[in-house]
């Protein structure tokens, strides 16, 4: 399975800035039982442009290094 170049951390506030910014629409809202709603990154869509990292006001998106 291929990993996305970025990941959303638990610091995500769900503001949606990345949803609006991502040119590839790689972010998807996800409900997690017992936890606040968060976001997942679709590896098949993410190109690693890192615009989401720049726009995130909570610094909740990080670049994933290493093998993809």
N, C-alpha and C. Protein backbone atom coordinates (compact mmCIF):
# COMPACT_ATOMS: atom_id res chain seq x y z
N UNK A 1 0.84 -1.18 0.00
CA UNK A 1 0.00 0.00 0.00
C UNK A 1 0.88 1.25 0.00
N UNK A 2 0.54 2.20 -0.78
CA UNK A 2 1.28 3.44 -0.91
C UNK A 2 0.80 4.45 0.12
N UNK A 3 1.75 5.12 0.76
CA UNK A 3 1.41 6.18 1.71
C UNK A 3 1.40 7.52 0.99
N UNK A 4 0.59 8.42 1.52
CA UNK A 4 0.57 9.78 0.99
C UNK A 4 1.81 10.53 1.46
N UNK A 5 2.24 11.54 0.72
CA UNK A 5 3.40 12.34 1.12
C UNK A 5 3.16 13.18 2.37
N UNK A 6 1.90 13.34 2.77
CA UNK A 6 1.56 14.09 3.98
C UNK A 6 0.62 13.29 4.84
N UNK A 7 0.55 13.65 6.11
CA UNK A 7 -0.37 12.99 7.05
C UNK A 7 -0.99 14.06 7.94
N UNK A 8 -2.20 13.78 8.39
CA UNK A 8 -2.90 14.68 9.30
C UNK A 8 -2.72 14.15 10.71
N UNK A 9 -2.26 15.02 11.61
CA UNK A 9 -2.03 14.61 13.00
C UNK A 9 -3.28 14.84 13.85
N UNK A 10 -3.20 14.41 15.09
CA UNK A 10 -4.30 14.57 16.03
C UNK A 10 -4.55 16.03 16.37
N UNK A 11 -3.65 16.93 15.99
CA UNK A 11 -3.83 18.36 16.24
C UNK A 11 -4.86 19.00 15.31
N UNK A 12 -5.35 18.24 14.34
CA UNK A 12 -6.32 18.76 13.37
C UNK A 12 -7.58 19.26 14.09
N UNK A 13 -7.98 20.48 13.75
CA UNK A 13 -9.19 21.08 14.33
C UNK A 13 -10.40 20.92 13.43
N UNK A 14 -10.19 20.38 12.23
CA UNK A 14 -11.30 20.18 11.30
C UNK A 14 -11.78 21.46 10.65
N UNK A 15 -10.92 22.45 10.54
CA UNK A 15 -11.33 23.75 9.98
C UNK A 15 -11.65 23.68 8.49
N UNK A 16 -11.04 22.74 7.78
CA UNK A 16 -11.32 22.57 6.35
C UNK A 16 -10.44 23.38 5.42
N UNK A 17 -9.46 24.09 5.95
CA UNK A 17 -8.59 24.90 5.09
C UNK A 17 -7.90 24.04 4.04
N UNK A 18 -7.45 22.86 4.44
CA UNK A 18 -6.76 21.98 3.48
C UNK A 18 -7.72 21.46 2.41
N UNK A 19 -8.97 21.22 2.81
CA UNK A 19 -9.96 20.77 1.84
C UNK A 19 -10.14 21.79 0.73
N UNK A 20 -10.14 23.06 1.11
CA UNK A 20 -10.34 24.12 0.14
C UNK A 20 -9.08 24.43 -0.67
N UNK A 21 -7.92 24.14 -0.11
CA UNK A 21 -6.65 24.49 -0.73
C UNK A 21 -6.10 23.42 -1.66
N UNK A 22 -6.31 22.17 -1.32
CA UNK A 22 -5.69 21.08 -2.07
C UNK A 22 -6.15 21.06 -3.53
N UNK A 23 -5.21 21.24 -4.48
CA UNK A 23 -5.59 21.24 -5.89
C UNK A 23 -6.03 19.87 -6.40
N UNK A 24 -5.66 18.81 -5.69
CA UNK A 24 -6.00 17.46 -6.12
C UNK A 24 -7.18 16.86 -5.34
N UNK A 25 -7.73 17.63 -4.39
CA UNK A 25 -8.86 17.16 -3.57
C UNK A 25 -8.52 15.84 -2.88
N UNK A 26 -7.35 15.80 -2.27
CA UNK A 26 -6.84 14.57 -1.65
C UNK A 26 -7.32 14.36 -0.21
N UNK A 27 -7.97 15.33 0.38
CA UNK A 27 -8.42 15.21 1.77
C UNK A 27 -9.87 14.78 1.84
N UNK A 28 -10.16 13.90 2.78
CA UNK A 28 -11.52 13.41 2.98
C UNK A 28 -11.84 13.43 4.47
N UNK A 29 -13.02 13.97 4.84
CA UNK A 29 -13.43 13.91 6.24
C UNK A 29 -13.67 12.45 6.63
N UNK A 30 -13.36 12.13 7.87
CA UNK A 30 -13.56 10.76 8.35
C UNK A 30 -14.02 10.82 9.80
N UNK A 31 -15.00 9.98 10.12
CA UNK A 31 -15.49 9.87 11.50
C UNK A 31 -14.74 8.74 12.19
N UNK A 32 -14.27 9.03 13.37
CA UNK A 32 -13.56 8.01 14.15
C UNK A 32 -14.35 7.76 15.43
N UNK A 33 -14.77 6.52 15.68
CA UNK A 33 -15.54 6.23 16.88
C UNK A 33 -14.79 6.68 18.14
N UNK A 34 -15.47 7.44 18.98
CA UNK A 34 -14.89 7.87 20.23
C UNK A 34 -13.89 9.00 20.11
N UNK A 35 -13.75 9.57 18.92
CA UNK A 35 -12.80 10.66 18.71
C UNK A 35 -13.45 11.73 17.83
N UNK A 36 -12.93 12.94 17.90
CA UNK A 36 -13.48 13.98 17.02
C UNK A 36 -13.26 13.62 15.56
N UNK A 37 -14.11 14.14 14.72
CA UNK A 37 -13.95 13.91 13.28
C UNK A 37 -12.60 14.44 12.84
N UNK A 38 -12.01 13.79 11.88
CA UNK A 38 -10.70 14.21 11.38
C UNK A 38 -10.67 14.15 9.88
N UNK A 39 -9.48 14.12 9.35
CA UNK A 39 -9.28 14.07 7.90
C UNK A 39 -8.30 12.98 7.55
N UNK A 40 -8.54 12.34 6.43
CA UNK A 40 -7.60 11.38 5.88
C UNK A 40 -7.09 11.91 4.55
N UNK A 41 -5.91 11.48 4.16
CA UNK A 41 -5.31 11.88 2.90
C UNK A 41 -5.34 10.68 1.96
N UNK A 42 -5.88 10.88 0.78
CA UNK A 42 -5.91 9.81 -0.22
C UNK A 42 -4.57 9.79 -0.95
N UNK A 43 -3.81 8.74 -0.72
CA UNK A 43 -2.49 8.62 -1.33
C UNK A 43 -2.56 8.64 -2.85
N UNK A 44 -3.63 8.11 -3.40
CA UNK A 44 -3.76 8.06 -4.85
C UNK A 44 -3.98 9.44 -5.47
N UNK A 45 -4.35 10.42 -4.65
CA UNK A 45 -4.61 11.77 -5.16
C UNK A 45 -3.50 12.77 -4.82
N UNK A 46 -2.85 12.56 -3.68
CA UNK A 46 -1.87 13.53 -3.19
C UNK A 46 -0.60 13.51 -4.04
N UNK A 47 -0.20 14.68 -4.52
CA UNK A 47 1.01 14.80 -5.35
C UNK A 47 2.21 15.32 -4.55
N UNK A 48 1.98 15.67 -3.28
CA UNK A 48 3.08 16.17 -2.46
C UNK A 48 3.42 17.62 -2.70
N UNK A 49 2.47 18.43 -3.15
CA UNK A 49 2.75 19.85 -3.40
C UNK A 49 2.96 20.62 -2.10
N UNK A 50 2.47 20.10 -1.00
CA UNK A 50 2.63 20.64 0.35
C UNK A 50 1.91 21.96 0.59
N UNK A 51 0.97 22.33 -0.28
CA UNK A 51 0.18 23.54 -0.05
C UNK A 51 -0.64 23.42 1.24
N UNK A 52 -1.05 22.22 1.57
CA UNK A 52 -1.84 21.99 2.78
C UNK A 52 -1.04 22.32 4.04
N UNK A 53 0.25 21.99 4.03
CA UNK A 53 1.10 22.29 5.19
C UNK A 53 1.20 23.80 5.39
N UNK A 54 1.32 24.52 4.29
CA UNK A 54 1.43 25.98 4.35
C UNK A 54 0.16 26.63 4.88
N UNK A 55 -1.00 26.08 4.54
CA UNK A 55 -2.27 26.73 4.87
C UNK A 55 -2.83 26.31 6.23
N UNK A 56 -2.40 25.19 6.77
CA UNK A 56 -2.99 24.66 8.01
C UNK A 56 -2.70 25.59 9.21
N UNK A 57 -3.75 26.19 9.81
CA UNK A 57 -3.53 27.10 10.93
C UNK A 57 -3.13 26.38 12.23
N UNK A 58 -3.39 25.08 12.30
CA UNK A 58 -3.06 24.31 13.51
C UNK A 58 -1.75 23.55 13.38
N UNK A 59 -1.07 23.69 12.26
CA UNK A 59 0.16 22.92 11.99
C UNK A 59 -0.08 21.43 12.20
N UNK A 60 -1.22 20.97 11.73
CA UNK A 60 -1.63 19.58 11.95
C UNK A 60 -1.33 18.67 10.77
N UNK A 61 -0.70 19.19 9.73
CA UNK A 61 -0.35 18.37 8.58
C UNK A 61 1.17 18.33 8.49
N UNK A 62 1.68 17.12 8.38
CA UNK A 62 3.13 16.94 8.35
C UNK A 62 3.54 16.17 7.11
N UNK A 63 4.75 16.46 6.65
CA UNK A 63 5.30 15.73 5.53
C UNK A 63 5.79 14.38 6.01
N UNK A 64 5.47 13.34 5.27
CA UNK A 64 5.89 11.98 5.62
C UNK A 64 7.12 11.67 4.79
N UNK A 65 8.19 11.40 5.45
CA UNK A 65 9.44 11.10 4.75
C UNK A 65 9.66 9.59 4.72
N UNK A 66 10.50 9.17 3.83
CA UNK A 66 10.82 7.75 3.75
C UNK A 66 10.10 7.07 2.62
N UNK A 67 10.05 5.77 2.70
CA UNK A 67 9.47 4.95 1.63
C UNK A 67 7.99 5.20 1.50
N UNK A 68 7.55 5.39 0.28
CA UNK A 68 6.13 5.61 0.01
C UNK A 68 5.49 4.39 -0.47
